[in-house]
Amino acid sequence: MLLKFTKMHGAGNDFVVIDLISQRYRPREQDIQFLADRHFGIGCDQVLLVEPPDSPEVDFRYRIFNADGSEVENCGNGARCFARFVRDKNLTGKRVIRVQTAGGILELRLRDKHQVEVDMGEPAFEPARIPLQAAVTAPSYRLQAGGESLDIGALSMGNPHAVLRVEDVDSAPVATLGPAIEHHPDFPQRVNAGFMQVLSEHEIRLRVYERGAGETLACGTGACAAAVYGMTRGWLQDTVTVHLPGGKLEIHWPGPGSSVTMTGPTAVVFEGSIRI
């Protein structure tokens, strides 16, 4: 079949976005891998599907597939691109859009043509909700990975994250330590590994090795997780600029019991059709 798509990115985290309201397609793992392939397909970190809602409480269903074909719960940069896509395609006239994901409901707010704010919901710290194999909730956890003993933060932003504070993200061993953390047996559903450098109380640098995708230029949920972890440790204030290799995101979290909000850019790269 011939499948229409739009290539987009949010701070360099790139996506193939597919409208499954005006066309029919049932995703298969091998198709997702082909679409994401940067040599033989279109090339992306994740494939995003726009589907009709299952509930009258939301406007759309939002599905996310990593480049390896695995379906995941959440993607913050993708959520911003999703909001711009449904507006650009006249699938909605709303500026506040509620979407259903495998990790819960997200509220997307279009600020202007390029900037979108996402209500990412409350972070979850309980090990069972991350999920993480640990007896009790703790400020940090000791992890043996890649031949090193690491002090990490762990939380869920609708998907699992491990955050490691480093002195310099440029020299951090992301390529080797990232996959070791991702596949650590203490994380039964694997985990996104964030490497965070604190610049000030309001500013950090971050690199993320994403579960099922490898290192990406930006990770929205990873930015939220890193900022929240830094706030819980007293390193950061409640509003933080996160500098990622592909751009910057603004993260705000008032504290426990409150949602995390993320604001950042979106961009359309090109549109086309591909035969599946």
Protein backbone atom coordinates (compact mmCIF):
# COMPACT_ATOMS: atom_id res chain seq x y z
CA MET A 1 0.00 0.00 0.00
CA LEU A 2 0.98 3.65 -0.47
CA LEU A 3 1.22 5.39 2.90
CA LYS A 4 1.22 9.19 3.29
CA PHE A 5 3.49 10.60 6.00
CA THR A 6 5.01 13.80 7.37
CA LYS A 7 8.60 14.00 8.61
CA MET A 8 8.90 16.29 11.66
CA HIS A 9 11.28 17.01 14.50
CA GLY A 10 11.21 18.59 17.94
CA ALA A 11 14.63 19.93 18.95
CA GLY A 12 16.24 17.38 16.63
CA ASN A 13 14.29 14.36 17.93
CA ASP A 14 12.80 13.27 14.60
CA PHE A 15 9.59 11.48 13.71
CA VAL A 16 7.57 9.99 10.90
CA VAL A 17 3.98 11.06 11.61
CA ILE A 18 1.16 9.06 10.01
CA ASP A 19 -2.49 10.11 9.90
CA LEU A 20 -4.64 7.02 10.46
CA ILE A 21 -7.88 8.97 10.47
CA SER A 22 -7.93 9.66 6.73
CA GLN A 23 -6.09 6.46 5.71
CA ARG A 24 -6.01 2.86 6.91
CA TYR A 25 -2.88 1.05 8.05
CA ARG A 26 -2.18 -1.59 10.69
CA PRO A 27 1.37 -1.20 12.03
CA ARG A 28 3.71 -4.18 11.90
CA GLU A 29 7.11 -4.34 13.57
CA GLN A 30 8.96 -4.84 10.29
CA ASP A 31 7.15 -1.86 8.72
CA ILE A 32 8.13 0.41 11.61
CA GLN A 33 11.75 -0.73 11.34
CA PHE A 34 11.70 -0.01 7.60
CA LEU A 35 10.16 3.45 8.00
CA ALA A 36 12.70 4.34 10.68
CA ASP A 37 15.72 3.06 8.72
CA ARG A 38 17.91 6.02 7.72
CA HIS A 39 19.40 4.20 4.71
CA PHE A 40 16.51 2.26 3.16
CA GLY A 41 13.43 3.96 4.64
CA ILE A 42 12.57 7.53 5.66
CA GLY A 43 14.63 7.67 8.83
CA CYS A 44 13.48 8.67 12.32
CA ASP A 45 13.84 8.05 16.03
CA GLN A 46 10.13 7.21 16.43
CA VAL A 47 7.06 6.62 14.28
CA LEU A 48 3.96 8.44 15.57
CA LEU A 49 0.42 7.37 14.72
CA VAL A 50 -2.60 9.70 14.84
CA GLU A 51 -5.70 7.61 15.48
CA PRO A 52 -9.36 8.27 16.39
CA PRO A 53 -10.00 8.34 20.15
CA ASP A 54 -11.36 5.39 22.12
CA SER A 55 -13.06 7.72 24.60
CA PRO A 56 -15.15 10.92 24.33
CA GLU A 57 -12.86 12.45 26.98
CA VAL A 58 -10.01 12.83 24.47
CA ASP A 59 -9.57 14.21 20.95
CA PHE A 60 -7.16 11.63 19.53
CA ARG A 61 -5.28 8.45 20.28
CA TYR A 62 -1.50 8.94 20.11
CA ARG A 63 0.69 5.86 19.55
CA ILE A 64 4.49 5.81 19.59
CA PHE A 65 6.84 3.22 18.09
CA ASN A 66 10.59 3.25 18.57
CA ALA A 67 12.94 2.64 15.66
CA ASP A 68 13.30 -1.01 16.67
CA GLY A 69 9.54 -1.53 16.23
CA SER A 70 8.64 -1.62 19.93
CA GLU A 71 5.60 0.36 21.04
CA VAL A 72 6.22 2.68 24.01
CA GLU A 73 4.10 4.66 26.45
CA ASN A 74 5.09 8.27 25.90
CA CYS A 75 7.20 10.73 23.90
CA GLY A 76 7.19 14.40 24.85
CA ASN A 77 8.89 15.83 21.75
CA GLY A 78 6.58 13.67 19.67
CA ALA A 79 3.56 15.04 21.56
CA ARG A 80 4.45 18.58 20.52
CA CYS A 81 4.82 17.51 16.88
CA PHE A 82 1.54 15.61 17.18
CA ALA A 83 -0.25 18.81 18.26
CA ARG A 84 1.13 20.82 15.36
CA PHE A 85 0.39 18.01 12.89
CA VAL A 86 -3.31 17.69 13.76
CA ARG A 87 -3.71 21.48 13.50
CA ASP A 88 -1.79 21.76 10.21
CA LYS A 89 -3.86 18.92 8.72
CA ASN A 90 -7.13 20.51 9.92
CA LEU A 91 -7.96 17.45 11.98
CA THR A 92 -8.92 19.82 14.80
CA GLY A 93 -9.45 23.53 15.33
CA LYS A 94 -8.62 23.39 19.03
CA ARG A 95 -5.58 25.00 20.60
CA VAL A 96 -5.82 22.77 23.68
CA ILE A 97 -5.82 19.11 22.63
CA ARG A 98 -6.24 16.05 24.83
CA VAL A 99 -4.66 12.82 23.60
CA GLN A 100 -4.77 9.26 24.85
CA THR A 101 -1.44 7.43 25.11
CA ALA A 102 -0.42 4.04 26.47
CA GLY A 103 0.96 5.95 29.48
CA GLY A 104 -2.15 8.04 30.17
CA ILE A 105 -3.77 11.25 28.92
CA LEU A 106 -1.69 14.25 27.81
CA GLU A 107 -2.90 17.81 27.34
CA LEU A 108 -1.20 19.70 24.50
CA ARG A 109 -1.40 23.50 24.24
CA LEU A 110 -0.39 25.33 21.07
CA ARG A 111 1.22 28.64 22.03
CA ASP A 112 1.99 29.72 18.46
CA LYS A 113 2.79 28.05 15.12
CA HIS A 114 6.04 26.54 16.36
CA GLN A 115 5.94 26.40 20.18
CA VAL A 116 3.83 23.83 22.01
CA GLU A 117 3.37 23.33 25.76
CA VAL A 118 2.62 19.82 27.02
CA ASP A 119 1.12 18.89 30.36
CA MET A 120 3.13 15.73 30.97
CA GLY A 121 1.24 14.68 34.09
CA GLU A 122 2.72 13.89 37.48
CA PRO A 123 6.03 12.06 37.76
CA ALA A 124 5.88 8.66 39.48
CA PHE A 125 8.63 7.64 41.88
CA GLU A 126 7.32 4.34 43.27
CA PRO A 127 9.49 1.46 41.98
CA ALA A 128 6.50 -0.61 40.87
CA ARG A 129 5.26 2.23 38.66
CA ILE A 130 8.60 2.90 36.92
CA PRO A 131 9.04 -0.19 36.88
CA LEU A 132 12.21 -0.80 38.89
CA GLN A 133 13.14 -3.78 41.01
CA ALA A 134 13.68 -2.08 44.36
CA ALA A 135 12.18 -2.73 47.78
CA VAL A 136 11.36 0.90 48.67
CA THR A 137 11.21 4.34 47.06
CA ALA A 138 14.51 6.18 47.50
CA PRO A 139 16.04 9.52 46.43
CA SER A 140 18.59 7.55 44.40
CA TYR A 141 19.59 3.95 43.73
CA ARG A 142 22.92 2.14 43.45
CA LEU A 143 23.28 0.40 40.10
CA GLN A 144 26.09 -1.83 38.85
CA ALA A 145 26.35 -1.26 35.09
CA GLY A 146 29.12 -1.20 32.51
CA GLY A 147 31.65 -2.26 35.14
CA GLU A 148 30.84 0.80 37.28
CA SER A 149 28.89 1.48 40.47
CA LEU A 150 26.44 4.27 39.65
CA ASP A 151 24.21 6.53 41.78
CA ILE A 152 21.11 7.10 39.68
CA GLY A 153 17.70 8.67 40.00
CA ALA A 154 14.75 6.65 38.71
CA LEU A 155 11.22 7.79 37.91
CA SER A 156 8.47 7.47 35.34
CA MET A 157 7.16 10.23 33.08
CA GLY A 158 4.68 7.77 31.58
CA ASN A 159 7.78 5.80 30.55
CA PRO A 160 10.81 4.69 32.63
CA HIS A 161 13.86 6.89 33.13
CA ALA A 162 17.21 6.54 34.87
CA VAL A 163 19.17 9.77 35.38
CA LEU A 164 22.89 9.94 36.06
CA ARG A 165 24.58 13.22 37.04
CA VAL A 166 27.91 13.72 35.26
CA GLU A 167 30.56 16.43 35.34
CA ASP A 168 30.60 16.92 31.56
CA VAL A 169 28.06 15.49 29.10
CA ASP A 170 30.52 15.85 26.21
CA SER A 171 32.87 13.28 27.73
CA ALA A 172 30.17 11.08 29.31
CA PRO A 173 30.33 7.46 28.06
CA VAL A 174 26.81 7.57 26.62
CA ALA A 175 27.53 5.11 23.80
CA THR A 176 28.73 2.37 26.18
CA LEU A 177 27.03 3.11 29.49
CA GLY A 178 23.70 4.02 27.86
CA PRO A 179 22.91 0.51 26.58
CA ALA A 180 24.23 -1.05 29.80
CA ILE A 181 21.74 1.00 31.82
CA GLU A 182 18.94 0.51 29.28
CA HIS A 183 19.16 -3.29 29.51
CA HIS A 184 19.94 -3.55 33.23
CA PRO A 185 17.91 -6.40 34.80
CA ASP A 186 16.62 -4.09 37.55
CA PHE A 187 14.49 -2.41 34.84
CA PRO A 188 12.20 -5.22 33.57
CA GLN A 189 10.81 -3.08 30.71
CA ARG A 190 14.20 -1.52 29.93
CA VAL A 191 14.82 2.16 30.64
CA ASN A 192 15.79 5.48 29.03
CA ALA A 193 19.20 6.57 30.32
CA GLY A 194 19.81 10.29 30.86
CA PHE A 195 23.23 11.88 31.44
CA MET A 196 22.79 15.27 33.14
CA GLN A 197 25.28 18.07 33.71
CA VAL A 198 24.08 20.79 36.11
CA LEU A 199 25.13 24.27 34.95
CA SER A 200 23.15 26.29 37.51
CA GLU A 201 19.93 26.10 39.53
CA HIS A 202 17.98 26.92 36.37
CA GLU A 203 20.01 25.28 33.62
CA ILE A 204 21.27 21.81 32.71
CA ARG A 205 22.80 19.99 29.76
CA LEU A 206 21.49 16.55 28.88
CA ARG A 207 22.15 13.60 26.61
CA VAL A 208 19.71 10.69 26.49
CA TYR A 209 20.18 7.11 25.34
CA GLU A 210 16.60 6.18 24.51
CA ARG A 211 15.15 2.73 24.99
CA GLY A 212 14.84 1.09 21.59
CA ALA A 213 16.27 4.06 19.67
CA GLY A 214 19.79 4.74 20.95
CA GLU A 215 21.09 8.25 21.61
CA THR A 216 18.79 10.92 20.16
CA LEU A 217 19.27 14.66 19.69
CA ALA A 218 16.52 15.34 22.21
CA CYS A 219 14.14 13.47 24.52
CA GLY A 220 11.17 15.34 25.98
CA THR A 221 10.28 12.87 28.71
CA GLY A 222 14.00 12.52 29.44
CA ALA A 223 14.29 16.30 29.88
CA CYS A 224 11.34 16.22 32.28
CA ALA A 225 12.80 13.28 34.22
CA ALA A 226 16.24 14.89 34.54
CA ALA A 227 14.82 18.23 35.66
CA VAL A 228 12.48 16.61 38.19
CA TYR A 229 15.26 14.42 39.58
CA GLY A 230 17.51 17.46 39.96
CA MET A 231 14.71 19.32 41.74
CA THR A 232 14.12 16.46 44.19
CA ARG A 233 17.83 16.43 45.03
CA GLY A 234 17.88 20.20 45.65
CA TRP A 235 20.20 20.91 42.73
CA LEU A 236 17.58 22.76 40.64
CA GLN A 237 14.76 25.27 41.09
CA ASP A 238 11.22 24.68 39.78
CA THR A 239 11.84 26.09 36.29
CA VAL A 240 14.74 24.76 34.24
CA THR A 241 16.14 25.22 30.74
CA VAL A 242 17.37 21.89 29.40
CA HIS A 243 20.03 22.10 26.67
CA LEU A 244 20.03 19.00 24.46
CA PRO A 245 22.20 18.34 21.39
CA GLY A 246 19.27 19.29 19.11
CA GLY A 247 17.94 22.35 20.95
CA LYS A 248 16.46 23.46 24.26
CA LEU A 249 13.30 22.75 26.25
CA GLU A 250 11.73 24.60 29.16
CA ILE A 251 10.60 22.40 32.07
CA HIS A 252 8.46 23.54 35.00
CA TRP A 253 7.45 21.45 38.04
CA PRO A 254 5.96 23.09 41.18
CA GLY A 255 6.61 19.94 43.21
CA PRO A 256 4.95 16.73 44.45
CA GLY A 257 1.28 16.42 43.53
CA SER A 258 1.70 18.70 40.48
CA SER A 259 2.08 18.04 36.77
CA VAL A 260 5.27 18.69 34.85
CA THR A 261 4.95 21.09 31.92
CA MET A 262 7.32 21.08 28.96
CA THR A 263 7.54 23.79 26.30
CA GLY A 264 9.54 23.54 23.11
CA PRO A 265 9.71 23.90 19.33
CA THR A 266 8.31 21.85 16.45
CA ALA A 267 9.31 21.74 12.79
CA VAL A 268 8.02 20.12 9.61
CA VAL A 269 10.86 18.71 7.48
CA PHE A 270 9.00 17.28 4.47
CA GLU A 271 5.95 15.30 3.39
CA GLY A 272 5.62 12.34 1.08
CA SER A 273 4.29 8.87 0.38
CA ILE A 274 6.03 5.54 0.72
CA ARG A 275 5.08 2.06 -0.38
CA ILE A 276 4.73 -0.48 2.44
